[in-house]
């Protein structure tokens, strides 16, 4: 047995060993080797240290210091510095963080960071592309040190969290195989077109609704959405932390979005909506609110690009996916700098997870090149603009005509006309120059038209432009939706 003096000495020895560790400067998990820093934006670096510890951070381009800042840790041991923006893209940067200890992070790239979020179709990994061994073939050709990947581990929380689990990796066959397929295809095309380092920050979780990705602050502030926070509070009160599942309002915002702030991003890509299809009418408010929320939290209106839901037979009302797609289109009209990839040609009748993920990534990249990078390219298929009634005909005009309107096949399919009885009937559709003319034997005086207004179309929708991009499904009417809450 140790004497009192020996015990006291032992305790002092343990404390002497432990103290330096307790005082060590530590960084948020986003700051690791192979990371990508957003160019042309002030660079925020943050972490923890001993209370009142002085921390200095510098960024070097090779051996040349291009920015430096200092801070003093708070009483709670948190610190944050803001380095001046760096505009020159490259992969030869490094970060040095000095306090009572020193951290050097090498292989840092400066380029563009894109957040990749949503539910299972965004989460779908490259190794899950099974047709013709596509996943394996894609991975074999994916090695590219200009593309860096960070996969945020799944986490729910009742309150906004401070950190995430994950690390940056260079894009290799081994790292990409377990990464978002849509995210990778998007990043591959953006890097090829922009020739700058691209960071893909994946924060996704299958089977999750949009309200889970929206902050409590925003849900509470929007009267039509406050029922979500009321329901969550009631559930937590009844079941405690066990009630915080991935479908609980704000749970994923708290666990997987809030911890990324204030890490600068170029923009976000999003593939989600299946879990909200039964409430498609509400999605107009919910989805636009979520986008506004993220932009407010980051402090700037970054480009937001979404994938419209793929064709799929499932769905309660038979048109709830059509109504959800309509709500997604609504967001592109309601908010600025919101783009959409239409994939009416890349669905599956009985599989909610279609194997064709490349069209989604490629078309998201086209939208990014136009909206985020200012390229003068066509990035969307034909989009309804106006309707003109001429006797028994409806003449439809479109934007995003590109090189001209086109049909994949002999005759256009998927159009319907409505008369004064407010019932829709299949319509004969013909391309006339830059317009589409509709007629139906069942409609003598048209009042409205629709295109692609089904969960899954058979035969496949075939209205495109000559740039190879599918038309956006639409309706010209404002009739009540099947997914609207009953009054």
Foldseek 3Di string as FASTA:
>chain_A
DDDPVRVVVVVVVVCVVCVVVQFDWDWFQQDAALHEAEAPDWAKTKTFGAAQWKKKKFKAQQPHTDWIDIDTAHNVGIDMTTIGGHHDWDQAMWMWMDTVHIDIHGRYTYHFEAEEEAADLQQDALLNLPVVSRSLVCLQPWQDSLEKEWEWDDFFDPAADAHTDTHIDGRHSVVRRNHGPLQSLQLVVLCVVVVGRYYYYYQYYHPEDLQLQAALVLQCVDVVRVVLVVVLVVQCVVPNPVSGDRHRGPGSNRHPVSNCPQRDHQYYEYEYDPNCLLQLVCLLVSVLSRLVRSCVRNVHNHAYEYEQQEFECDDDPQQSSVSNLQSVVSSPVVDPRYYYAYPLPQHDHHDSNTSPSNSRSVLSNLSCCCRRVPDPDQRAWWEWDDWDWDFQKIKTATPSLHPHKDFPDDFFFFKWFAAPVRDTDGWGWDDDTRIIMTHDPVHRTTDKMWGNRGSHDVVGGTIGHPVPHHYRTDIPDDDDDPSHDDD
